[in-house]
Amino acid sequence: NTRQPGCTNVCFDHFFPVSHIRLWALQLILVTCPSLLVI
């Protein structure tokens, strides 16, 4: 509820430092790699 330039971006970065989607993508990659090592 403000038009101050940069405020929205700063607040979004503070409350969402890393997106859920990117964290889940990294998690799925790391958690499936050991199975490929077995193969």
PDB file of all heavy atoms in Angstrom:
ATOM      1  N   ASN A   1       0.828  -1.214   0.000  1.00  0.00           N
ATOM      2  CA  ASN A   1       0.000   0.000   0.000  1.00  0.00           C
ATOM      3  C   ASN A   1       0.864   1.266   0.000  1.00  0.00           C
ATOM      4  O   ASN A   1       0.725   2.147   0.849  1.00  0.00           O
ATOM      5  CB  ASN A   1      -0.958   0.002   1.197  1.00  0.00           C
ATOM      6  CG  ASN A   1      -0.214  -0.064   2.527  1.00  0.00           C
ATOM      7  OD1 ASN A   1       1.002  -0.248   2.547  1.00  0.00           O
ATOM      8  ND2 ASN A   1      -0.951   0.089   3.616  1.00  0.00           N
ATOM      9  N   THR A   2       1.792   1.294  -0.962  1.00  0.00           N
ATOM     10  CA  THR A   2       2.623   2.489  -1.147  1.00  0.00           C
ATOM     11  C   THR A   2       3.108   2.521  -2.586  1.00  0.00           C
ATOM     12  O   THR A   2       3.226   1.472  -3.229  1.00  0.00           O
ATOM     13  CB  THR A   2       3.834   2.487  -0.198  1.00  0.00           C
ATOM     14  OG1 THR A   2       4.593   3.679  -0.401  1.00  0.00           O
ATOM     15  CG2 THR A   2       4.729   1.300  -0.449  1.00  0.00           C
ATOM     16  N   ARG A   3       3.394   3.725  -3.057  1.00  0.00           N
ATOM     17  CA  ARG A   3       3.951   3.890  -4.402  1.00  0.00           C
ATOM     18  C   ARG A   3       5.431   4.288  -4.355  1.00  0.00           C
ATOM     19  O   ARG A   3       5.990   4.690  -5.370  1.00  0.00           O
ATOM     20  CB  ARG A   3       3.149   4.927  -5.185  1.00  0.00           C
ATOM     21  CG  ARG A   3       1.722   4.493  -5.480  1.00  0.00           C
ATOM     22  CD  ARG A   3       1.025   5.504  -6.379  1.00  0.00           C
ATOM     23  NE  ARG A   3      -0.343   5.092  -6.684  1.00  0.00           N
ATOM     24  CZ  ARG A   3      -0.674   4.294  -7.690  1.00  0.00           C
ATOM     25  NH1 ARG A   3       0.272   3.829  -8.488  1.00  0.00           N
ATOM     26  NH2 ARG A   3      -1.935   3.972  -7.897  1.00  0.00           N
ATOM     27  N   GLN A   4       6.036   4.173  -3.205  1.00  0.00           N
ATOM     28  CA  GLN A   4       7.450   4.505  -3.074  1.00  0.00           C
ATOM     29  C   GLN A   4       8.283   3.586  -3.964  1.00  0.00           C
ATOM     30  O   GLN A   4       8.217   2.364  -3.837  1.00  0.00           O
ATOM     31  CB  GLN A   4       7.885   4.354  -1.618  1.00  0.00           C
ATOM     32  CG  GLN A   4       9.346   4.617  -1.369  1.00  0.00           C
ATOM     33  CD  GLN A   4       9.718   6.090  -1.560  1.00  0.00           C
ATOM     34  OE1 GLN A   4       8.874   6.951  -1.356  1.00  0.00           O
ATOM     35  NE2 GLN A   4      10.947   6.348  -1.940  1.00  0.00           N
ATOM     36  N   PRO A   5       9.070   4.132  -4.882  1.00  0.00           N
ATOM     37  CA  PRO A   5       9.876   3.285  -5.779  1.00  0.00           C
ATOM     38  C   PRO A   5      10.843   2.396  -5.001  1.00  0.00           C
ATOM     39  O   PRO A   5      11.545   2.855  -4.097  1.00  0.00           O
ATOM     40  CB  PRO A   5      10.629   4.306  -6.646  1.00  0.00           C
ATOM     41  CG  PRO A   5       9.810   5.551  -6.576  1.00  0.00           C
ATOM     42  CD  PRO A   5       9.210   5.561  -5.202  1.00  0.00           C
ATOM     43  N   GLY A   6      10.857   1.134  -5.352  1.00  0.00           N
ATOM     44  CA  GLY A   6      11.772   0.177  -4.733  1.00  0.00           C
ATOM     45  C   GLY A   6      11.257  -0.491  -3.484  1.00  0.00           C
ATOM     46  O   GLY A   6      11.792  -1.528  -3.083  1.00  0.00           O
ATOM     47  N   CYS A   7      10.228   0.053  -2.856  1.00  0.00           N
ATOM     48  CA  CYS A   7       9.736  -0.517  -1.602  1.00  0.00           C
ATOM     49  C   CYS A   7       9.179  -1.923  -1.815  1.00  0.00           C
ATOM     50  O   CYS A   7       9.484  -2.844  -1.053  1.00  0.00           O
ATOM     51  CB  CYS A   7       8.680   0.397  -0.985  1.00  0.00           C
ATOM     52  SG  CYS A   7       7.982  -0.232   0.570  1.00  0.00           S
ATOM     53  N   THR A   8       8.368  -2.102  -2.850  1.00  0.00           N
ATOM     54  CA  THR A   8       7.764  -3.415  -3.105  1.00  0.00           C
ATOM     55  C   THR A   8       8.824  -4.467  -3.378  1.00  0.00           C
ATOM     56  O   THR A   8       8.757  -5.590  -2.864  1.00  0.00           O
ATOM     57  CB  THR A   8       6.781  -3.320  -4.284  1.00  0.00           C
ATOM     58  OG1 THR A   8       5.759  -2.382  -3.969  1.00  0.00           O
ATOM     59  CG2 THR A   8       6.145  -4.678  -4.561  1.00  0.00           C
ATOM     60  N   ASN A   9       9.833  -4.110  -4.179  1.00  0.00           N
ATOM     61  CA  ASN A   9      10.892  -5.072  -4.498  1.00  0.00           C
ATOM     62  C   ASN A   9      11.694  -5.463  -3.260  1.00  0.00           C
ATOM     63  O   ASN A   9      12.038  -6.639  -3.061  1.00  0.00           O
ATOM     64  CB  ASN A   9      11.833  -4.481  -5.558  1.00  0.00           C
ATOM     65  CG  ASN A   9      11.182  -4.416  -6.918  1.00  0.00           C
ATOM     66  OD1 ASN A   9      10.267  -5.172  -7.217  1.00  0.00           O
ATOM     67  ND2 ASN A   9      11.649  -3.499  -7.747  1.00  0.00           N
ATOM     68  N   VAL A  10      12.004  -4.488  -2.417  1.00  0.00           N
ATOM     69  CA  VAL A  10      12.771  -4.776  -1.205  1.00  0.00           C
ATOM     70  C   VAL A  10      11.974  -5.662  -0.254  1.00  0.00           C
ATOM     71  O   VAL A  10      12.513  -6.619   0.324  1.00  0.00           O
ATOM     72  CB  VAL A  10      13.185  -3.459  -0.518  1.00  0.00           C
ATOM     73  CG1 VAL A  10      13.753  -3.731   0.870  1.00  0.00           C
ATOM     74  CG2 VAL A  10      14.206  -2.707  -1.360  1.00  0.00           C
ATOM     75  N   CYS A  11      10.693  -5.362  -0.081  1.00  0.00           N
ATOM     76  CA  CYS A  11       9.851  -6.164   0.813  1.00  0.00           C
ATOM     77  C   CYS A  11       9.663  -7.578   0.276  1.00  0.00           C
ATOM     78  O   CYS A  11       9.691  -8.554   1.040  1.00  0.00           O
ATOM     79  CB  CYS A  11       8.496  -5.482   1.004  1.00  0.00           C
ATOM     80  SG  CYS A  11       8.582  -3.908   1.897  1.00  0.00           S
ATOM     81  N   PHE A  12       9.489  -7.702  -1.031  1.00  0.00           N
ATOM     82  CA  PHE A  12       9.339  -9.037  -1.618  1.00  0.00           C
ATOM     83  C   PHE A  12      10.606  -9.866  -1.424  1.00  0.00           C
ATOM     84  O   PHE A  12      10.546 -11.051  -1.088  1.00  0.00           O
ATOM     85  CB  PHE A  12       9.009  -8.914  -3.108  1.00  0.00           C
ATOM     86  CG  PHE A  12       8.797 -10.235  -3.785  1.00  0.00           C
ATOM     87  CD1 PHE A  12       7.571 -10.873  -3.726  1.00  0.00           C
ATOM     88  CD2 PHE A  12       9.837 -10.856  -4.471  1.00  0.00           C
ATOM     89  CE1 PHE A  12       7.372 -12.098  -4.343  1.00  0.00           C
ATOM     90  CE2 PHE A  12       9.651 -12.075  -5.085  1.00  0.00           C
ATOM     91  CZ  PHE A  12       8.412 -12.698  -5.024  1.00  0.00           C
ATOM     92  N   ASP A  13      11.761  -9.250  -1.624  1.00  0.00           N
ATOM     93  CA  ASP A  13      13.023  -9.961  -1.455  1.00  0.00           C
ATOM     94  C   ASP A  13      13.235 -10.356   0.006  1.00  0.00           C
ATOM     95  O   ASP A  13      13.827 -11.405   0.289  1.00  0.00           O
ATOM     96  CB  ASP A  13      14.170  -9.073  -1.933  1.00  0.00           C
ATOM     97  CG  ASP A  13      15.516  -9.757  -1.803  1.00  0.00           C
ATOM     98  OD1 ASP A  13      15.769 -10.716  -2.557  1.00  0.00           O
ATOM     99  OD2 ASP A  13      16.307  -9.345  -0.934  1.00  0.00           O
ATOM    100  N   HIS A  14      12.733  -9.541   0.933  1.00  0.00           N
ATOM    101  CA  HIS A  14      12.899  -9.849   2.356  1.00  0.00           C
ATOM    102  C   HIS A  14      12.031 -11.033   2.771  1.00  0.00           C
ATOM    103  O   HIS A  14      12.494 -11.914   3.519  1.00  0.00           O
ATOM    104  CB  HIS A  14      12.546  -8.624   3.193  1.00  0.00           C
ATOM    105  CG  HIS A  14      12.619  -8.859   4.668  1.00  0.00           C
ATOM    106  ND1 HIS A  14      13.805  -9.022   5.346  1.00  0.00           N
ATOM    107  CD2 HIS A  14      11.632  -8.966   5.616  1.00  0.00           C
ATOM    108  CE1 HIS A  14      13.559  -9.221   6.628  1.00  0.00           C
ATOM    109  NE2 HIS A  14      12.255  -9.190   6.808  1.00  0.00           N
ATOM    110  N   PHE A  15      10.796 -11.059   2.329  1.00  0.00           N
ATOM    111  CA  PHE A  15       9.872 -12.116   2.752  1.00  0.00           C
ATOM    112  C   PHE A  15       9.957 -13.359   1.868  1.00  0.00           C
ATOM    113  O   PHE A  15       9.539 -14.436   2.286  1.00  0.00           O
ATOM    114  CB  PHE A  15       8.436 -11.593   2.767  1.00  0.00           C
ATOM    115  CG  PHE A  15       8.180 -10.620   3.872  1.00  0.00           C
ATOM    116  CD1 PHE A  15       8.095  -9.261   3.618  1.00  0.00           C
ATOM    117  CD2 PHE A  15       8.049 -11.046   5.181  1.00  0.00           C
ATOM    118  CE1 PHE A  15       7.866  -8.355   4.633  1.00  0.00           C
ATOM    119  CE2 PHE A  15       7.832 -10.153   6.213  1.00  0.00           C
ATOM    120  CZ  PHE A  15       7.742  -8.797   5.941  1.00  0.00           C
ATOM    121  N   PHE A  16      10.486 -13.246   0.658  1.00  0.00           N
ATOM    122  CA  PHE A  16      10.661 -14.388  -0.242  1.00  0.00           C
ATOM    123  C   PHE A  16      12.109 -14.402  -0.727  1.00  0.00           C
ATOM    124  O   PHE A  16      12.381 -14.120  -1.901  1.00  0.00           O
ATOM    125  CB  PHE A  16       9.704 -14.303  -1.438  1.00  0.00           C
ATOM    126  CG  PHE A  16       8.263 -14.422  -1.071  1.00  0.00           C
ATOM    127  CD1 PHE A  16       7.513 -13.282  -0.817  1.00  0.00           C
ATOM    128  CD2 PHE A  16       7.661 -15.657  -0.965  1.00  0.00           C
ATOM    129  CE1 PHE A  16       6.176 -13.386  -0.475  1.00  0.00           C
ATOM    130  CE2 PHE A  16       6.326 -15.763  -0.617  1.00  0.00           C
ATOM    131  CZ  PHE A  16       5.573 -14.628  -0.368  1.00  0.00           C
ATOM    132  N   PRO A  17      13.071 -14.711   0.160  1.00  0.00           N
ATOM    133  CA  PRO A  17      14.486 -14.687  -0.251  1.00  0.00           C
ATOM    134  C   PRO A  17      14.795 -15.671  -1.370  1.00  0.00           C
ATOM    135  O   PRO A  17      15.635 -15.405  -2.226  1.00  0.00           O
ATOM    136  CB  PRO A  17      15.240 -15.037   1.033  1.00  0.00           C
ATOM    137  CG  PRO A  17      14.223 -15.723   1.897  1.00  0.00           C
ATOM    138  CD  PRO A  17      12.905 -15.127   1.554  1.00  0.00           C
ATOM    139  N   VAL A  18      14.130 -16.823  -1.353  1.00  0.00           N
ATOM    140  CA  VAL A  18      14.268 -17.811  -2.424  1.00  0.00           C
ATOM    141  C   VAL A  18      12.881 -18.344  -2.738  1.00  0.00           C
ATOM    142  O   VAL A  18      12.111 -18.672  -1.831  1.00  0.00           O
ATOM    143  CB  VAL A  18      15.192 -18.976  -2.027  1.00  0.00           C
ATOM    144  CG1 VAL A  18      15.362 -19.945  -3.196  1.00  0.00           C
ATOM    145  CG2 VAL A  18      16.555 -18.466  -1.575  1.00  0.00           C
ATOM    146  N   SER A  19      12.561 -18.428  -4.002  1.00  0.00           N
ATOM    147  CA  SER A  19      11.245 -18.908  -4.410  1.00  0.00           C
ATOM    148  C   SER A  19      11.056 -20.375  -4.028  1.00  0.00           C
ATOM    149  O   SER A  19      11.993 -21.183  -4.086  1.00  0.00           O
ATOM    150  CB  SER A  19      11.076 -18.736  -5.918  1.00  0.00           C
ATOM    151  OG  SER A  19       9.911 -19.383  -6.375  1.00  0.00           O
ATOM    152  N   HIS A  20       9.827 -20.717  -3.641  1.00  0.00           N
ATOM    153  CA  HIS A  20       9.491 -22.120  -3.371  1.00  0.00           C
ATOM    154  C   HIS A  20       9.835 -22.990  -4.577  1.00  0.00           C
ATOM    155  O   HIS A  20      10.377 -24.093  -4.424  1.00  0.00           O
ATOM    156  CB  HIS A  20       7.995 -22.253  -3.064  1.00  0.00           C
ATOM    157  CG  HIS A  20       7.597 -21.758  -1.711  1.00  0.00           C
ATOM    158  ND1 HIS A  20       7.617 -20.433  -1.372  1.00  0.00           N
ATOM    159  CD2 HIS A  20       7.156 -22.420  -0.608  1.00  0.00           C
ATOM    160  CE1 HIS A  20       7.203 -20.283  -0.121  1.00  0.00           C
ATOM    161  NE2 HIS A  20       6.922 -21.472   0.374  1.00  0.00           N
ATOM    162  N   ILE A  21       9.493 -22.516  -5.757  1.00  0.00           N
ATOM    163  CA  ILE A  21       9.675 -23.306  -6.966  1.00  0.00           C
ATOM    164  C   ILE A  21      11.149 -23.639  -7.184  1.00  0.00           C
ATOM    165  O   ILE A  21      11.511 -24.781  -7.496  1.00  0.00           O
ATOM    166  CB  ILE A  21       9.105 -22.540  -8.181  1.00  0.00           C
ATOM    167  CG1 ILE A  21       7.580 -22.432  -8.079  1.00  0.00           C
ATOM    168  CG2 ILE A  21       9.488 -23.227  -9.485  1.00  0.00           C
ATOM    169  CD1 ILE A  21       6.881 -23.776  -8.080  1.00  0.00           C
ATOM    170  N   ARG A  22      12.016 -22.653  -7.024  1.00  0.00           N
ATOM    171  CA  ARG A  22      13.441 -22.895  -7.244  1.00  0.00           C
ATOM    172  C   ARG A  22      14.027 -23.804  -6.160  1.00  0.00           C
ATOM    173  O   ARG A  22      14.890 -24.639  -6.441  1.00  0.00           O
ATOM    174  CB  ARG A  22      14.182 -21.565  -7.297  1.00  0.00           C
ATOM    175  CG  ARG A  22      13.823 -20.752  -8.538  1.00  0.00           C
ATOM    176  CD  ARG A  22      14.474 -19.384  -8.534  1.00  0.00           C
ATOM    177  NE  ARG A  22      14.119 -18.617  -9.709  1.00  0.00           N
ATOM    178  CZ  ARG A  22      13.011 -17.886  -9.840  1.00  0.00           C
ATOM    179  NH1 ARG A  22      12.154 -17.837  -8.825  1.00  0.00           N
ATOM    180  NH2 ARG A  22      12.756 -17.230 -10.946  1.00  0.00           N
ATOM    181  N   LEU A  23      13.557 -23.648  -4.929  1.00  0.00           N
ATOM    182  CA  LEU A  23      14.019 -24.545  -3.869  1.00  0.00           C
ATOM    183  C   LEU A  23      13.575 -25.980  -4.128  1.00  0.00           C
ATOM    184  O   LEU A  23      14.360 -26.924  -3.951  1.00  0.00           O
ATOM    185  CB  LEU A  23      13.486 -24.068  -2.515  1.00  0.00           C
ATOM    186  CG  LEU A  23      14.281 -22.980  -1.801  1.00  0.00           C
ATOM    187  CD1 LEU A  23      13.563 -22.559  -0.526  1.00  0.00           C
ATOM    188  CD2 LEU A  23      15.688 -23.453  -1.474  1.00  0.00           C
ATOM    189  N   TRP A  24      12.324 -26.163  -4.552  1.00  0.00           N
ATOM    190  CA  TRP A  24      11.837 -27.515  -4.852  1.00  0.00           C
ATOM    191  C   TRP A  24      12.584 -28.115  -6.033  1.00  0.00           C
ATOM    192  O   TRP A  24      12.882 -29.310  -6.036  1.00  0.00           O
ATOM    193  CB  TRP A  24      10.334 -27.477  -5.131  1.00  0.00           C
ATOM    194  CG  TRP A  24       9.513 -27.436  -3.888  1.00  0.00           C
ATOM    195  CD1 TRP A  24       9.820 -27.984  -2.674  1.00  0.00           C
ATOM    196  CD2 TRP A  24       8.237 -26.811  -3.719  1.00  0.00           C
ATOM    197  NE1 TRP A  24       8.817 -27.735  -1.770  1.00  0.00           N
ATOM    198  CE2 TRP A  24       7.824 -27.017  -2.378  1.00  0.00           C
ATOM    199  CE3 TRP A  24       7.394 -26.099  -4.573  1.00  0.00           C
ATOM    200  CZ2 TRP A  24       6.624 -26.539  -1.883  1.00  0.00           C
ATOM    201  CZ3 TRP A  24       6.190 -25.621  -4.072  1.00  0.00           C
ATOM    202  CH2 TRP A  24       5.810 -25.846  -2.747  1.00  0.00           C
ATOM    203  N   ALA A  25      12.876 -27.307  -7.053  1.00  0.00           N
ATOM    204  CA  ALA A  25      13.621 -27.815  -8.208  1.00  0.00           C
ATOM    205  C   ALA A  25      15.003 -28.303  -7.779  1.00  0.00           C
ATOM    206  O   ALA A  25      15.445 -29.400  -8.155  1.00  0.00           O
ATOM    207  CB  ALA A  25      13.737 -26.725  -9.273  1.00  0.00           C
ATOM    208  N   LEU A  26      15.702 -27.499  -6.974  1.00  0.00           N
ATOM    209  CA  LEU A  26      17.020 -27.902  -6.481  1.00  0.00           C
ATOM    210  C   LEU A  26      16.922 -29.143  -5.606  1.00  0.00           C
ATOM    211  O   LEU A  26      17.758 -30.055  -5.691  1.00  0.00           O
ATOM    212  CB  LEU A  26      17.647 -26.743  -5.706  1.00  0.00           C
ATOM    213  CG  LEU A  26      19.050 -26.985  -5.140  1.00  0.00           C
ATOM    214  CD1 LEU A  26      20.036 -27.280  -6.255  1.00  0.00           C
ATOM    215  CD2 LEU A  26      19.511 -25.776  -4.323  1.00  0.00           C
ATOM    216  N   GLN A  27      15.893 -29.216  -4.780  1.00  0.00           N
ATOM    217  CA  GLN A  27      15.708 -30.372  -3.909  1.00  0.00           C
ATOM    218  C   GLN A  27      15.478 -31.643  -4.722  1.00  0.00           C
ATOM    219  O   GLN A  27      16.074 -32.695  -4.444  1.00  0.00           O
ATOM    220  CB  GLN A  27      14.524 -30.121  -2.975  1.00  0.00           C
ATOM    221  CG  GLN A  27      14.257 -31.263  -2.005  1.00  0.00           C
ATOM    222  CD  GLN A  27      13.047 -30.981  -1.129  1.00  0.00           C
ATOM    223  OE1 GLN A  27      12.344 -29.987  -1.321  1.00  0.00           O
ATOM    224  NE2 GLN A  27      12.797 -31.847  -0.165  1.00  0.00           N
ATOM    225  N   LEU A  28      14.624 -31.577  -5.743  1.00  0.00           N
ATOM    226  CA  LEU A  28      14.342 -32.757  -6.570  1.00  0.00           C
ATOM    227  C   LEU A  28      15.582 -33.212  -7.323  1.00  0.00           C
ATOM    228  O   LEU A  28      15.811 -34.414  -7.490  1.00  0.00           O
ATOM    229  CB  LEU A  28      13.204 -32.446  -7.543  1.00  0.00           C
ATOM    230  CG  LEU A  28      11.810 -32.331  -6.915  1.00  0.00           C
ATOM    231  CD1 LEU A  28      10.808 -31.821  -7.938  1.00  0.00           C
ATOM    232  CD2 LEU A  28      11.360 -33.682  -6.363  1.00  0.00           C
ATOM    233  N   ILE A  29      16.390 -32.257  -7.791  1.00  0.00           N
ATOM    234  CA  ILE A  29      17.619 -32.627  -8.503  1.00  0.00           C
ATOM    235  C   ILE A  29      18.577 -33.354  -7.565  1.00  0.00           C
ATOM    236  O   ILE A  29      19.115 -34.425  -7.896  1.00  0.00           O
ATOM    237  CB  ILE A  29      18.282 -31.373  -9.103  1.00  0.00           C
ATOM    238  CG1 ILE A  29      17.432 -30.822 -10.251  1.00  0.00           C
ATOM    239  CG2 ILE A  29      19.682 -31.693  -9.600  1.00  0.00           C
ATOM    240  CD1 ILE A  29      17.896 -29.474 -10.754  1.00  0.00           C
ATOM    241  N   LEU A  30      18.790 -32.782  -6.376  1.00  0.00           N
ATOM    242  CA  LEU A  30      19.747 -33.374  -5.441  1.00  0.00           C
ATOM    243  C   LEU A  30      19.263 -34.716  -4.901  1.00  0.00           C
ATOM    244  O   LEU A  30      20.077 -35.620  -4.656  1.00  0.00           O
ATOM    245  CB  LEU A  30      20.004 -32.406  -4.280  1.00  0.00           C
ATOM    246  CG  LEU A  30      20.752 -31.120  -4.624  1.00  0.00           C
ATOM    247  CD1 LEU A  30      20.879 -30.238  -3.391  1.00  0.00           C
ATOM    248  CD2 LEU A  30      22.127 -31.425  -5.192  1.00  0.00           C
ATOM    249  N   VAL A  31      17.960 -34.862  -4.715  1.00  0.00           N
ATOM    250  CA  VAL A  31      17.447 -36.073  -4.082  1.00  0.00           C
ATOM    251  C   VAL A  31      17.385 -37.248  -5.063  1.00  0.00           C
ATOM    252  O   VAL A  31      17.322 -38.410  -4.637  1.00  0.00           O
ATOM    253  CB  VAL A  31      16.059 -35.797  -3.458  1.00  0.00           C
ATOM    254  CG1 VAL A  31      14.926 -35.983  -4.470  1.00  0.00           C
ATOM    255  CG2 VAL A  31      15.820 -36.702  -2.255  1.00  0.00           C
ATOM    256  N   THR A  32      17.397 -36.973  -6.363  1.00  0.00           N
ATOM    257  CA  THR A  32      17.352 -38.057  -7.349  1.00  0.00           C
ATOM    258  C   THR A  32      18.735 -38.443  -7.867  1.00  0.00           C
ATOM    259  O   THR A  32      18.886 -39.527  -8.438  1.00  0.00           O
ATOM    260  CB  THR A  32      16.471 -37.667  -8.547  1.00  0.00           C
ATOM    261  OG1 THR A  32      16.890 -36.390  -9.044  1.00  0.00           O
ATOM    262  CG2 THR A  32      15.008 -37.586  -8.140  1.00  0.00           C
ATOM    263  N   CYS A  33      19.742 -37.599  -7.656  1.00  0.00           N
ATOM    264  CA  CYS A  33      21.089 -37.911  -8.147  1.00  0.00           C
ATOM    265  C   CYS A  33      21.669 -39.199  -7.551  1.00  0.00           C
ATOM    266  O   CYS A  33      22.305 -39.974  -8.274  1.00  0.00           O
ATOM    267  CB  CYS A  33      22.031 -36.736  -7.881  1.00  0.00           C
ATOM    268  SG  CYS A  33      21.825 -35.377  -9.050  1.00  0.00           S
ATOM    269  N   PRO A  34      21.516 -39.483  -6.245  1.00  0.00           N
ATOM    270  CA  PRO A  34      22.093 -40.725  -5.701  1.00  0.00           C
ATOM    271  C   PRO A  34      21.564 -41.989  -6.372  1.00  0.00           C
ATOM    272  O   PRO A  34      22.315 -42.958  -6.520  1.00  0.00           O
ATOM    273  CB  PRO A  34      21.679 -40.671  -4.220  1.00  0.00           C
ATOM    274  CG  PRO A  34      21.525 -39.229  -3.923  1.00  0.00           C
ATOM    275  CD  PRO A  34      20.965 -38.631  -5.170  1.00  0.00           C
ATOM    276  N   SER A  35      20.296 -41.995  -6.791  1.00  0.00           N
ATOM    277  CA  SER A  35      19.763 -43.165  -7.484  1.00  0.00           C
ATOM    278  C   SER A  35      20.464 -43.380  -8.818  1.00  0.00           C
ATOM    279  O   SER A  35      20.705 -44.516  -9.242  1.00  0.00           O
ATOM    280  CB  SER A  35      18.252 -43.001  -7.709  1.00  0.00           C
ATOM    281  OG  SER A  35      17.567 -42.908  -6.475  1.00  0.00           O
ATOM    282  N   LEU A  36      20.811 -42.278  -9.488  1.00  0.00           N
ATOM    283  CA  LEU A  36      21.548 -42.393 -10.747  1.00  0.00           C
ATOM    284  C   LEU A  36      22.958 -42.911 -10.509  1.00  0.00           C
ATOM    285  O   LEU A  36      23.512 -43.629 -11.348  1.00  0.00           O
ATOM    286  CB  LEU A  36      21.594 -41.028 -11.442  1.00  0.00           C
ATOM    287  CG  LEU A  36      20.233 -40.390 -11.751  1.00  0.00           C
ATOM    288  CD1 LEU A  36      20.423 -39.075 -12.489  1.00  0.00           C
ATOM    289  CD2 LEU A  36      19.380 -41.343 -12.582  1.00  0.00           C
ATOM    290  N   LEU A  37      23.559 -42.580  -9.359  1.00  0.00           N
ATOM    291  CA  LEU A  37      24.881 -43.105  -9.034  1.00  0.00           C
ATOM    292  C   LEU A  37      24.850 -44.625  -8.867  1.00  0.00           C
ATOM    293  O   LEU A  37      25.796 -45.317  -9.245  1.00  0.00           O
ATOM    294  CB  LEU A  37      25.410 -42.457  -7.754  1.00  0.00           C
ATOM    295  CG  LEU A  37      25.795 -40.980  -7.854  1.00  0.00           C
ATOM    296  CD1 LEU A  37      26.227 -40.449  -6.494  1.00  0.00           C
ATOM    297  CD2 LEU A  37      26.907 -40.775  -8.871  1.00  0.00           C
ATOM    298  N   VAL A  38      23.754 -45.149  -8.307  1.00  0.00           N
ATOM    299  CA  VAL A  38      23.607 -46.600  -8.179  1.00  0.00           C
ATOM    300  C   VAL A  38      23.568 -47.244  -9.558  1.00  0.00           C
ATOM    301  O   VAL A  38      24.215 -48.271  -9.813  1.00  0.00           O
ATOM    302  CB  VAL A  38      22.342 -46.943  -7.369  1.00  0.00           C
ATOM    303  CG1 VAL A  38      22.091 -48.447  -7.370  1.00  0.00           C
ATOM    304  CG2 VAL A  38      22.463 -46.436  -5.939  1.00  0.00           C
ATOM    305  N   ILE A  39      22.803 -46.648 -10.485  1.00  0.00           N
ATOM    306  CA  ILE A  39      22.730 -47.179 -11.849  1.00  0.00           C
ATOM    307  C   ILE A  39      24.101 -47.143 -12.513  1.00  0.00           C
ATOM    308  O   ILE A  39      24.511 -48.095 -13.206  1.00  0.00           O
ATOM    309  CB  ILE A  39      21.701 -46.376 -12.675  1.00  0.00           C
ATOM    310  CG1 ILE A  39      20.314 -46.525 -12.067  1.00  0.00           C
ATOM    311  CG2 ILE A  39      21.687 -46.839 -14.124  1.00  0.00           C
ATOM    312  CD1 ILE A  39      19.267 -45.682 -12.763  1.00  0.00           C
TER     313      ILE A  39
END
